[in-house]
Amino acid sequence: MVRRKQLNFKKEYKEKIASGQKTSTIRLKTNLRKGDEVEILSGGFKVGIARIVSVESKLVCELTDEDARRDGFRDKRELMKALKRYYGELKGEDRVHVIGFEIVCKNSES
């Protein structure tokens, strides 16, 4: 049995991921690559299996409203508030990774 990498999310994002409203995540560090299949967990609950469709390195100042919408937020301002909760104060020159994913197999209980 192949051990998949995991992509973990807070419980609050489970429904957005399962419904397809959230198709990306922004992380400070990643070992994920385009094409990887990962187990998606939200609040410890297995949402399903996803394929990584993109991994883009950006400066925080380069993040856009479109990045925010793919991440399940209304706009960049709302995204930045969430990033601050998780990572503390980020500067414009800090580098982040925008990881795009698509669910390829949903957990039947989600």
PDB file of N, CA and C in Angstrom:
ATOM      1  N   MET A   1       0.843  -1.192   0.000  1.00  0.00           N
ATOM      2  CA  MET A   1       0.000   0.000   0.000  1.00  0.00           C
ATOM      3  C   MET A   1       0.886   1.253   0.000  1.00  0.00           C
ATOM      4  N   VAL A   2       0.595   2.167  -0.902  1.00  0.00           N
ATOM      5  CA  VAL A   2       1.376   3.393  -1.023  1.00  0.00           C
ATOM      6  C   VAL A   2       0.944   4.396   0.039  1.00  0.00           C
ATOM      7  N   ARG A   3       1.911   4.962   0.716  1.00  0.00           N
ATOM      8  CA  ARG A   3       1.617   5.986   1.730  1.00  0.00           C
ATOM      9  C   ARG A   3       1.611   7.339   1.030  1.00  0.00           C
ATOM     10  N   ARG A   4       0.467   7.994   1.025  1.00  0.00           N
ATOM     11  CA  ARG A   4       0.343   9.298   0.379  1.00  0.00           C
ATOM     12  C   ARG A   4       0.768  10.409   1.321  1.00  0.00           C
ATOM     13  N   LYS A   5       1.239  11.485   0.720  1.00  0.00           N
ATOM     14  CA  LYS A   5       1.476  12.700   1.494  1.00  0.00           C
ATOM     15  C   LYS A   5       0.105  13.219   1.918  1.00  0.00           C
ATOM     16  N   GLN A   6       0.102  14.038   2.961  1.00  0.00           N
ATOM     17  CA  GLN A   6      -1.156  14.611   3.441  1.00  0.00           C
ATOM     18  C   GLN A   6      -1.137  16.121   3.298  1.00  0.00           C
ATOM     19  N   LEU A   7      -2.305  16.663   3.062  1.00  0.00           N
ATOM     20  CA  LEU A   7      -2.508  18.105   3.064  1.00  0.00           C
ATOM     21  C   LEU A   7      -3.570  18.353   4.124  1.00  0.00           C
ATOM     22  N   ASN A   8      -3.168  18.989   5.222  1.00  0.00           N
ATOM     23  CA  ASN A   8      -4.047  19.181   6.375  1.00  0.00           C
ATOM     24  C   ASN A   8      -4.630  20.589   6.403  1.00  0.00           C
ATOM     25  N   PHE A   9      -5.905  20.658   6.762  1.00  0.00           N
ATOM     26  CA  PHE A   9      -6.623  21.920   6.866  1.00  0.00           C
ATOM     27  C   PHE A   9      -7.363  21.979   8.195  1.00  0.00           C
ATOM     28  N   LYS A  10      -7.672  23.174   8.634  1.00  0.00           N
ATOM     29  CA  LYS A  10      -8.526  23.368   9.801  1.00  0.00           C
ATOM     30  C   LYS A  10      -9.927  22.844   9.473  1.00  0.00           C
ATOM     31  N   LYS A  11     -10.646  22.442  10.501  1.00  0.00           N
ATOM     32  CA  LYS A  11     -12.003  21.899  10.357  1.00  0.00           C
ATOM     33  C   LYS A  11     -12.936  22.867   9.606  1.00  0.00           C
ATOM     34  N   GLU A  12     -12.725  24.158   9.804  1.00  0.00           N
ATOM     35  CA  GLU A  12     -13.608  25.163   9.197  1.00  0.00           C
ATOM     36  C   GLU A  12     -13.602  25.132   7.663  1.00  0.00           C
ATOM     37  N   TYR A  13     -12.607  24.483   7.038  1.00  0.00           N
ATOM     38  CA  TYR A  13     -12.513  24.471   5.575  1.00  0.00           C
ATOM     39  C   TYR A  13     -13.085  23.212   4.941  1.00  0.00           C
ATOM     40  N   LYS A  14     -13.549  22.251   5.737  1.00  0.00           N
ATOM     41  CA  LYS A  14     -14.017  20.962   5.225  1.00  0.00           C
ATOM     42  C   LYS A  14     -15.097  21.109   4.148  1.00  0.00           C
ATOM     43  N   GLU A  15     -16.130  21.863   4.414  1.00  0.00           N
ATOM     44  CA  GLU A  15     -17.238  21.987   3.463  1.00  0.00           C
ATOM     45  C   GLU A  15     -16.812  22.698   2.180  1.00  0.00           C
ATOM     46  N   LYS A  16     -15.970  23.726   2.311  1.00  0.00           N
ATOM     47  CA  LYS A  16     -15.500  24.441   1.119  1.00  0.00           C
ATOM     48  C   LYS A  16     -14.653  23.533   0.232  1.00  0.00           C
ATOM     49  N   ILE A  17     -13.863  22.674   0.841  1.00  0.00           N
ATOM     50  CA  ILE A  17     -13.042  21.739   0.065  1.00  0.00           C
ATOM     51  C   ILE A  17     -13.935  20.704  -0.597  1.00  0.00           C
ATOM     52  N   ALA A  18     -14.828  20.093   0.171  1.00  0.00           N
ATOM     53  CA  ALA A  18     -15.706  19.038  -0.343  1.00  0.00           C
ATOM     54  C   ALA A  18     -16.602  19.542  -1.471  1.00  0.00           C
ATOM     55  N   SER A  19     -17.027  20.808  -1.389  1.00  0.00           N
ATOM     56  CA  SER A  19     -17.923  21.365  -2.407  1.00  0.00           C
ATOM     57  C   SER A  19     -17.178  21.892  -3.635  1.00  0.00           C
ATOM     58  N   GLY A  20     -15.853  21.963  -3.555  1.00  0.00           N
ATOM     59  CA  GLY A  20     -15.077  22.488  -4.671  1.00  0.00           C
ATOM     60  C   GLY A  20     -14.912  23.996  -4.652  1.00  0.00           C
ATOM     61  N   GLN A  21     -15.380  24.647  -3.591  1.00  0.00           N
ATOM     62  CA  GLN A  21     -15.239  26.101  -3.473  1.00  0.00           C
ATOM     63  C   GLN A  21     -13.796  26.496  -3.135  1.00  0.00           C
ATOM     64  N   LYS A  22     -13.082  25.612  -2.466  1.00  0.00           N
ATOM     65  CA  LYS A  22     -11.682  25.847  -2.114  1.00  0.00           C
ATOM     66  C   LYS A  22     -10.832  24.872  -2.921  1.00  0.00           C
ATOM     67  N   THR A  23     -10.038  25.403  -3.859  1.00  0.00           N
ATOM     68  CA  THR A  23      -9.234  24.555  -4.742  1.00  0.00           C
ATOM     69  C   THR A  23      -7.749  24.889  -4.656  1.00  0.00           C
ATOM     70  N   SER A  24      -7.379  25.659  -3.639  1.00  0.00           N
ATOM     71  CA  SER A  24      -5.960  25.951  -3.433  1.00  0.00           C
ATOM     72  C   SER A  24      -5.711  26.241  -1.960  1.00  0.00           C
ATOM     73  N   THR A  25      -4.447  26.253  -1.630  1.00  0.00           N
ATOM     74  CA  THR A  25      -4.025  26.607  -0.281  1.00  0.00           C
ATOM     75  C   THR A  25      -2.701  27.339  -0.390  1.00  0.00           C
ATOM     76  N   ILE A  26      -2.432  28.195   0.572  1.00  0.00           N
ATOM     77  CA  ILE A  26      -1.192  28.966   0.572  1.00  0.00           C
ATOM     78  C   ILE A  26      -0.385  28.549   1.791  1.00  0.00           C
ATOM     79  N   ARG A  27       0.837  28.104   1.545  1.00  0.00           N
ATOM     80  CA  ARG A  27       1.692  27.596   2.606  1.00  0.00           C
ATOM     81  C   ARG A  27       3.056  28.279   2.548  1.00  0.00           C
ATOM     82  N   LEU A  28       3.695  28.367   3.723  1.00  0.00           N
ATOM     83  CA  LEU A  28       5.042  28.940   3.775  1.00  0.00           C
ATOM     84  C   LEU A  28       6.060  27.956   3.216  1.00  0.00           C
ATOM     85  N   LYS A  29       5.864  26.663   3.469  1.00  0.00           N
ATOM     86  CA  LYS A  29       6.784  25.623   3.000  1.00  0.00           C
ATOM     87  C   LYS A  29       5.970  24.492   2.402  1.00  0.00           C
ATOM     88  N   THR A  30       6.571  23.806   1.437  1.00  0.00           N
ATOM     89  CA  THR A  30       5.902  22.633   0.876  1.00  0.00           C
ATOM     90  C   THR A  30       6.928  21.702   0.253  1.00  0.00           C
ATOM     91  N   ASN A  31       6.592  20.419   0.271  1.00  0.00           N
ATOM     92  CA  ASN A  31       7.382  19.440  -0.460  1.00  0.00           C
ATOM     93  C   ASN A  31       6.525  18.819  -1.564  1.00  0.00           C
ATOM     94  N   LEU A  32       5.379  19.433  -1.842  1.00  0.00           N
ATOM     95  CA  LEU A  32       4.470  18.927  -2.864  1.00  0.00           C
ATOM     96  C   LEU A  32       4.905  19.391  -4.250  1.00  0.00           C
ATOM     97  N   ARG A  33       4.609  18.556  -5.243  1.00  0.00           N
ATOM     98  CA  ARG A  33       4.926  18.840  -6.636  1.00  0.00           C
ATOM     99  C   ARG A  33       3.687  18.597  -7.489  1.00  0.00           C
ATOM    100  N   LYS A  34       3.614  19.278  -8.617  1.00  0.00           N
ATOM    101  CA  LYS A  34       2.516  19.065  -9.560  1.00  0.00           C
ATOM    102  C   LYS A  34       2.458  17.580  -9.900  1.00  0.00           C
ATOM    103  N   GLY A  35       1.240  17.027  -9.863  1.00  0.00           N
ATOM    104  CA  GLY A  35       1.039  15.615 -10.165  1.00  0.00           C
ATOM    105  C   GLY A  35       0.969  14.716  -8.943  1.00  0.00           C
ATOM    106  N   ASP A  36       1.460  15.191  -7.790  1.00  0.00           N
ATOM    107  CA  ASP A  36       1.361  14.394  -6.564  1.00  0.00           C
ATOM    108  C   ASP A  36      -0.104  14.128  -6.227  1.00  0.00           C
ATOM    109  N   GLU A  37      -0.389  12.939  -5.705  1.00  0.00           N
ATOM    110  CA  GLU A  37      -1.703  12.658  -5.145  1.00  0.00           C
ATOM    111  C   GLU A  37      -1.560  12.686  -3.637  1.00  0.00           C
ATOM    112  N   VAL A  38      -2.456  13.414  -2.990  1.00  0.00           N
ATOM    113  CA  VAL A  38      -2.371  13.612  -1.545  1.00  0.00           C
ATOM    114  C   VAL A  38      -3.703  13.290  -0.889  1.00  0.00           C
ATOM    115  N   GLU A  39      -3.613  12.910   0.367  1.00  0.00           N
ATOM    116  CA  GLU A  39      -4.806  12.713   1.183  1.00  0.00           C
ATOM    117  C   GLU A  39      -5.164  14.074   1.776  1.00  0.00           C
ATOM    118  N   ILE A  40      -6.408  14.498   1.588  1.00  0.00           N
ATOM    119  CA  ILE A  40      -6.879  15.770   2.134  1.00  0.00           C
ATOM    120  C   ILE A  40      -7.576  15.500   3.462  1.00  0.00           C
ATOM    121  N   LEU A  41      -7.071  16.129   4.522  1.00  0.00           N
ATOM    122  CA  LEU A  41      -7.671  16.009   5.849  1.00  0.00           C
ATOM    123  C   LEU A  41      -8.120  17.383   6.309  1.00  0.00           C
ATOM    124  N   SER A  42      -9.272  17.433   6.946  1.00  0.00           N
ATOM    125  CA  SER A  42      -9.785  18.693   7.475  1.00  0.00           C
ATOM    126  C   SER A  42     -10.323  18.428   8.873  1.00  0.00           C
ATOM    127  N   GLY A  43      -9.667  19.000   9.869  1.00  0.00           N
ATOM    128  CA  GLY A  43     -10.061  18.749  11.253  1.00  0.00           C
ATOM    129  C   GLY A  43      -9.932  17.280  11.625  1.00  0.00           C
ATOM    130  N   GLY A  44      -8.973  16.581  11.003  1.00  0.00           N
ATOM    131  CA  GLY A  44      -8.767  15.170  11.260  1.00  0.00           C
ATOM    132  C   GLY A  44      -9.670  14.254  10.447  1.00  0.00           C
ATOM    133  N   PHE A  45     -10.610  14.818   9.712  1.00  0.00           N
ATOM    134  CA  PHE A  45     -11.553  14.047   8.901  1.00  0.00           C
ATOM    135  C   PHE A  45     -11.019  13.925   7.477  1.00  0.00           C
ATOM    136  N   LYS A  46     -11.026  12.718   6.921  1.00  0.00           N
ATOM    137  CA  LYS A  46     -10.549  12.515   5.551  1.00  0.00           C
ATOM    138  C   LYS A  46     -11.610  12.999   4.564  1.00  0.00           C
ATOM    139  N   VAL A  47     -11.287  14.070   3.835  1.00  0.00           N
ATOM    140  CA  VAL A  47     -12.205  14.622   2.837  1.00  0.00           C
ATOM    141  C   VAL A  47     -12.111  13.810   1.551  1.00  0.00           C
ATOM    142  N   GLY A  48     -10.900  13.377   1.198  1.00  0.00           N
ATOM    143  CA  GLY A  48     -10.721  12.580  -0.012  1.00  0.00           C
ATOM    144  C   GLY A  48      -9.277  12.616  -0.478  1.00  0.00           C
ATOM    145  N   ILE A  49      -9.102  12.229  -1.746  1.00  0.00           N
ATOM    146  CA  ILE A  49      -7.793  12.233  -2.387  1.00  0.00           C
ATOM    147  C   ILE A  49      -7.803  13.357  -3.428  1.00  0.00           C
ATOM    148  N   ALA A  50      -6.708  14.100  -3.479  1.00  0.00           N
ATOM    149  CA  ALA A  50      -6.605  15.193  -4.447  1.00  0.00           C
ATOM    150  C   ALA A  50      -5.318  15.055  -5.243  1.00  0.00           C
ATOM    151  N   ARG A  51      -5.354  15.607  -6.446  1.00  0.00           N
ATOM    152  CA  ARG A  51      -4.158  15.699  -7.278  1.00  0.00           C
ATOM    153  C   ARG A  51      -3.689  17.141  -7.249  1.00  0.00           C
ATOM    154  N   ILE A  52      -2.397  17.317  -7.052  1.00  0.00           N
ATOM    155  CA  ILE A  52      -1.822  18.662  -7.075  1.00  0.00           C
ATOM    156  C   ILE A  52      -1.725  19.090  -8.537  1.00  0.00           C
ATOM    157  N   VAL A  53      -2.385  20.194  -8.878  1.00  0.00           N
ATOM    158  CA  VAL A  53      -2.396  20.660 -10.270  1.00  0.00           C
ATOM    159  C   VAL A  53      -1.419  21.802 -10.510  1.00  0.00           C
ATOM    160  N   SER A  54      -0.981  22.453  -9.433  1.00  0.00           N
ATOM    161  CA  SER A  54       0.002  23.530  -9.595  1.00  0.00           C
ATOM    162  C   SER A  54       0.654  23.845  -8.255  1.00  0.00           C
ATOM    163  N   VAL A  55       1.897  24.263  -8.316  1.00  0.00           N
ATOM    164  CA  VAL A  55       2.617  24.773  -7.152  1.00  0.00           C
ATOM    165  C   VAL A  55       3.371  25.998  -7.644  1.00  0.00           C
ATOM    166  N   GLU A  56       2.942  27.153  -7.168  1.00  0.00           N
ATOM    167  CA  GLU A  56       3.522  28.412  -7.621  1.00  0.00           C
ATOM    168  C   GLU A  56       4.118  29.166  -6.438  1.00  0.00           C
ATOM    169  N   SER A  57       5.362  29.559  -6.589  1.00  0.00           N
ATOM    170  CA  SER A  57       6.035  30.352  -5.563  1.00  0.00           C
ATOM    171  C   SER A  57       5.792  31.828  -5.859  1.00  0.00           C
ATOM    172  N   LYS A  58       5.342  32.575  -4.841  1.00  0.00           N
ATOM    173  CA  LYS A  58       5.037  33.998  -5.008  1.00  0.00           C
ATOM    174  C   LYS A  58       5.484  34.763  -3.773  1.00  0.00           C
ATOM    175  N   LEU A  59       5.711  36.036  -3.972  1.00  0.00           N
ATOM    176  CA  LEU A  59       5.885  36.931  -2.838  1.00  0.00           C
ATOM    177  C   LEU A  59       4.500  37.273  -2.311  1.00  0.00           C
ATOM    178  N   VAL A  60       4.396  37.527  -1.023  1.00  0.00           N
ATOM    179  CA  VAL A  60       3.101  37.882  -0.431  1.00  0.00           C
ATOM    180  C   VAL A  60       2.486  39.088  -1.165  1.00  0.00           C
ATOM    181  N   CYS A  61       3.305  40.066  -1.534  1.00  0.00           N
ATOM    182  CA  CYS A  61       2.790  41.253  -2.220  1.00  0.00           C
ATOM    183  C   CYS A  61       2.241  40.935  -3.610  1.00  0.00           C
ATOM    184  N   GLU A  62       2.553  39.751  -4.163  1.00  0.00           N
ATOM    185  CA  GLU A  62       2.064  39.352  -5.488  1.00  0.00           C
ATOM    186  C   GLU A  62       0.744  38.588  -5.433  1.00  0.00           C
ATOM    187  N   LEU A  63       0.268  38.244  -4.238  1.00  0.00           N
ATOM    188  CA  LEU A  63      -1.006  37.538  -4.120  1.00  0.00           C
ATOM    189  C   LEU A  63      -2.129  38.428  -4.636  1.00  0.00           C
ATOM    190  N   THR A  64      -3.138  37.806  -5.253  1.00  0.00           N
ATOM    191  CA  THR A  64      -4.228  38.556  -5.889  1.00  0.00           C
ATOM    192  C   THR A  64      -5.582  38.156  -5.300  1.00  0.00           C
ATOM    193  N   ASP A  65      -6.607  38.914  -5.674  1.00  0.00           N
ATOM    194  CA  ASP A  65      -7.971  38.546  -5.295  1.00  0.00           C
ATOM    195  C   ASP A  65      -8.325  37.177  -5.881  1.00  0.00           C
ATOM    196  N   GLU A  66      -7.832  36.864  -7.072  1.00  0.00           N
ATOM    197  CA  GLU A  66      -8.103  35.561  -7.692  1.00  0.00           C
ATOM    198  C   GLU A  66      -7.471  34.437  -6.871  1.00  0.00           C
ATOM    199  N   ASP A  67      -6.247  34.643  -6.379  1.00  0.00           N
ATOM    200  CA  ASP A  67      -5.627  33.658  -5.482  1.00  0.00           C
ATOM    201  C   ASP A  67      -6.523  33.445  -4.262  1.00  0.00           C
ATOM    202  N   ALA A  68      -7.030  34.538  -3.726  1.00  0.00           N
ATOM    203  CA  ALA A  68      -7.890  34.468  -2.533  1.00  0.00           C
ATOM    204  C   ALA A  68      -9.173  33.695  -2.821  1.00  0.00           C
ATOM    205  N   ARG A  69      -9.808  33.951  -3.964  1.00  0.00           N
ATOM    206  CA  ARG A  69     -11.062  33.261  -4.299  1.00  0.00           C
ATOM    207  C   ARG A  69     -10.840  31.753  -4.463  1.00  0.00           C
ATOM    208  N   ARG A  70      -9.746  31.355  -5.117  1.00  0.00           N
ATOM    209  CA  ARG A  70      -9.460  29.918  -5.270  1.00  0.00           C
ATOM    210  C   ARG A  70      -9.209  29.277  -3.904  1.00  0.00           C
ATOM    211  N   ASP A  71      -8.748  30.090  -2.949  1.00  0.00           N
ATOM    212  CA  ASP A  71      -8.471  29.602  -1.599  1.00  0.00           C
ATOM    213  C   ASP A  71      -9.722  29.662  -0.716  1.00  0.00           C
ATOM    214  N   GLY A  72     -10.859  30.060  -1.293  1.00  0.00           N
ATOM    215  CA  GLY A  72     -12.119  30.053  -0.562  1.00  0.00           C
ATOM    216  C   GLY A  72     -12.452  31.349   0.166  1.00  0.00           C
ATOM    217  N   PHE A  73     -11.735  32.422  -0.148  1.00  0.00           N
ATOM    218  CA  PHE A  73     -11.976  33.722   0.491  1.00  0.00           C
ATOM    219  C   PHE A  73     -12.593  34.693  -0.506  1.00  0.00           C
ATOM    220  N   ARG A  74     -13.210  35.759   0.018  1.00  0.00           N
ATOM    221  CA  ARG A  74     -13.833  36.760  -0.855  1.00  0.00           C
ATOM    222  C   ARG A  74     -12.811  37.568  -1.634  1.00  0.00           C
ATOM    223  N   ASP A  75     -11.733  37.945  -0.942  1.00  0.00           N
ATOM    224  CA  ASP A  75     -10.741  38.805  -1.577  1.00  0.00           C
ATOM    225  C   ASP A  75      -9.399  38.681  -0.852  1.00  0.00           C
ATOM    226  N   LYS A  76      -8.400  39.391  -1.369  1.00  0.00           N
ATOM    227  CA  LYS A  76      -7.055  39.302  -0.799  1.00  0.00           C
ATOM    228  C   LYS A  76      -7.037  39.768   0.659  1.00  0.00           C
ATOM    229  N   ARG A  77      -7.814  40.769   0.975  1.00  0.00           N
ATOM    230  CA  ARG A  77      -7.850  41.285   2.352  1.00  0.00           C
ATOM    231  C   ARG A  77      -8.281  40.199   3.341  1.00  0.00           C
ATOM    232  N   GLU A  78      -9.343  39.468   2.986  1.00  0.00           N
ATOM    233  CA  GLU A  78      -9.829  38.384   3.852  1.00  0.00           C
ATOM    234  C   GLU A  78      -8.785  37.258   3.930  1.00  0.00           C
ATOM    235  N   LEU A  79      -8.152  36.955   2.816  1.00  0.00           N
ATOM    236  CA  LEU A  79      -7.083  35.947   2.794  1.00  0.00           C
ATOM    237  C   LEU A  79      -5.938  36.347   3.716  1.00  0.00           C
ATOM    238  N   MET A  80      -5.519  37.598   3.652  1.00  0.00           N
ATOM    239  CA  MET A  80      -4.396  38.065   4.465  1.00  0.00           C
ATOM    240  C   MET A  80      -4.710  37.965   5.958  1.00  0.00           C
ATOM    241  N   LYS A  81      -5.962  38.217   6.343  1.00  0.00           N
ATOM    242  CA  LYS A  81      -6.362  38.064   7.753  1.00  0.00           C
ATOM    243  C   LYS A  81      -6.194  36.618   8.201  1.00  0.00           C
ATOM    244  N   ALA A  82      -6.602  35.677   7.332  1.00  0.00           N
ATOM    245  CA  ALA A  82      -6.475  34.260   7.667  1.00  0.00           C
ATOM    246  C   ALA A  82      -5.007  33.855   7.744  1.00  0.00           C
ATOM    247  N   LEU A  83      -4.198  34.300   6.797  1.00  0.00           N
ATOM    248  CA  LEU A  83      -2.777  33.966   6.823  1.00  0.00           C
ATOM    249  C   LEU A  83      -2.107  34.510   8.084  1.00  0.00           C
ATOM    250  N   LYS A  84      -2.527  35.678   8.517  1.00  0.00           N
ATOM    251  CA  LYS A  84      -1.965  36.260   9.743  1.00  0.00           C
ATOM    252  C   LYS A  84      -2.306  35.397  10.964  1.00  0.00           C
ATOM    253  N   ARG A  85      -3.538  34.845  10.991  1.00  0.00           N
ATOM    254  CA  ARG A  85      -3.932  33.964  12.104  1.00  0.00           C
ATOM    255  C   ARG A  85      -3.036  32.732  12.168  1.00  0.00           C
ATOM    256  N   TYR A  86      -2.677  32.187  11.016  1.00  0.00           N
ATOM    257  CA  TYR A  86      -1.897  30.945  10.985  1.00  0.00           C
ATOM    258  C   TYR A  86      -0.401  31.169  11.092  1.00  0.00           C
ATOM    259  N   TYR A  87       0.104  32.238  10.456  1.00  0.00           N
ATOM    260  CA  TYR A  87       1.546  32.416  10.338  1.00  0.00           C
ATOM    261  C   TYR A  87       2.090  33.656  11.027  1.00  0.00           C
ATOM    262  N   GLY A  88       1.226  34.466  11.607  1.00  0.00           N
ATOM    263  CA  GLY A  88       1.683  35.722  12.180  1.00  0.00           C
ATOM    264  C   GLY A  88       1.822  36.774  11.081  1.00  0.00           C
ATOM    265  N   GLU A  89       2.468  37.852  11.405  1.00  0.00           N
ATOM    266  CA  GLU A  89       2.602  38.969  10.452  1.00  0.00           C
ATOM    267  C   GLU A  89       3.517  38.569   9.297  1.00  0.00           C
ATOM    268  N   LEU A  90       3.007  38.678   8.073  1.00  0.00           N
ATOM    269  CA  LEU A  90       3.814  38.409   6.886  1.00  0.00           C
ATOM    270  C   LEU A  90       4.165  39.719   6.205  1.00  0.00           C
ATOM    271  N   LYS A  91       5.369  39.786   5.689  1.00  0.00           N
ATOM    272  CA  LYS A  91       5.812  40.976   4.961  1.00  0.00           C
ATOM    273  C   LYS A  91       5.632  40.744   3.467  1.00  0.00           C
ATOM    274  N   GLY A  92       5.528  41.823   2.717  1.00  0.00           N
ATOM    275  CA  GLY A  92       5.336  41.736   1.270  1.00  0.00           C
ATOM    276  C   GLY A  92       6.402  40.941   0.561  1.00  0.00           C
ATOM    277  N   GLU A  93       7.626  40.955   1.102  1.00  0.00           N
ATOM    278  CA  GLU A  93       8.723  40.231   0.448  1.00  0.00           C
ATOM    279  C   GLU A  93       8.856  38.780   0.926  1.00  0.00           C
ATOM    280  N   ASP A  94       7.993  38.356   1.847  1.00  0.00           N
ATOM    281  CA  ASP A  94       8.003  36.950   2.271  1.00  0.00           C
ATOM    282  C   ASP A  94       7.492  36.077   1.123  1.00  0.00           C
ATOM    283  N   ARG A  95       8.094  34.895   0.962  1.00  0.00           N
ATOM    284  CA  ARG A  95       7.713  33.976  -0.107  1.00  0.00           C
ATOM    285  C   ARG A  95       6.736  32.931   0.424  1.00  0.00           C
ATOM    286  N   VAL A  96       5.704  32.676  -0.368  1.00  0.00           N
ATOM    287  CA  VAL A  96       4.708  31.655  -0.050  1.00  0.00           C
ATOM    288  C   VAL A  96       4.539  30.744  -1.273  1.00  0.00           C
ATOM    289  N   HIS A  97       3.866  29.623  -1.059  1.00  0.00           N
ATOM    290  CA  HIS A  97       3.602  28.675  -2.141  1.00  0.00           C
ATOM    291  C   HIS A  97       2.093  28.542  -2.297  1.00  0.00           C
ATOM    292  N   VAL A  98       1.611  28.815  -3.495  1.00  0.00           N
ATOM    293  CA  VAL A  98       0.192  28.676  -3.814  1.00  0.00           C
ATOM    294  C   VAL A  98       0.029  27.292  -4.446  1.00  0.00           C
ATOM    295  N   ILE A  99      -0.669  26.419  -3.741  1.00  0.00           N
ATOM    296  CA  ILE A  99      -0.809  25.020  -4.147  1.00  0.00           C
ATOM    297  C   ILE A  99      -2.238  24.792  -4.642  1.00  0.00           C
ATOM    298  N   GLY A 100      -2.369  24.522  -5.925  1.00  0.00           N
ATOM    299  CA  GLY A 100      -3.673  24.234  -6.518  1.00  0.00           C
ATOM    300  C   GLY A 100      -3.929  22.737  -6.492  1.00  0.00           C
ATOM    301  N   PHE A 101      -5.166  22.337  -6.209  1.00  0.00           N
ATOM    302  CA  PHE A 101      -5.492  20.911  -6.156  1.00  0.00           C
ATOM    303  C   PHE A 101      -6.889  20.661  -6.687  1.00  0.00           C
ATOM    304  N   GLU A 102      -7.125  19.406  -7.098  1.00  0.00           N
ATOM    305  CA  GLU A 102      -8.472  18.987  -7.497  1.00  0.00           C
ATOM    306  C   GLU A 102      -8.762  17.659  -6.822  1.00  0.00           C
ATOM    307  N   ILE A 103      -9.963  17.552  -6.291  1.00  0.00           N
ATOM    308  CA  ILE A 103     -10.372  16.310  -5.638  1.00  0.00           C
ATOM    309  C   ILE A 103     -10.605  15.263  -6.728  1.00  0.00           C
ATOM    310  N   VAL A 104      -9.954  14.116  -6.611  1.00  0.00           N
ATOM    311  CA  VAL A 104     -10.135  13.052  -7.584  1.00  0.00           C
ATOM    312  C   VAL A 104     -10.964  11.910  -7.018  1.00  0.00           C
ATOM    313  N   CYS A 105     -11.072  11.846  -5.696  1.00  0.00           N
ATOM    314  CA  CYS A 105     -11.870  10.806  -5.047  1.00  0.00           C
ATOM    315  C   CYS A 105     -12.351  11.350  -3.706  1.00  0.00           C
ATOM    316  N   LYS A 106     -13.664  11.595  -3.619  1.00  0.00           N
ATOM    317  CA  LYS A 106     -14.230  12.104  -2.364  1.00  0.00           C
ATOM    318  C   LYS A 106     -14.490  10.968  -1.396  1.00  0.00           C
ATOM    319  N   ASN A 107     -14.301  11.258  -0.121  1.00  0.00           N
ATOM    320  CA  ASN A 107     -14.699  10.321   0.911  1.00  0.00           C
ATOM    321  C   ASN A 107     -16.216  10.211   0.835  1.00  0.00           C
ATOM    322  N   SER A 108     -16.751   9.034   0.857  1.00  0.00           N
ATOM    323  CA  SER A 108     -18.209   8.838   0.706  1.00  0.00           C
ATOM    324  C   SER A 108     -19.005   9.458   1.838  1.00  0.00           C
ATOM    325  N   GLU A 109     -18.358   9.781   2.956  1.00  0.00           N
ATOM    326  CA  GLU A 109     -19.070  10.374   4.090  1.00  0.00           C
ATOM    327  C   GLU A 109     -19.094  11.897   4.045  1.00  0.00           C
ATOM    328  N   SER A 110     -18.371  12.531   3.090  1.00  0.00           N
ATOM    329  CA  SER A 110     -18.329  13.995   3.081  1.00  0.00           C
ATOM    330  C   SER A 110     -19.500  14.594   2.358  1.00  0.00           C
TER     331      SER A 110
END
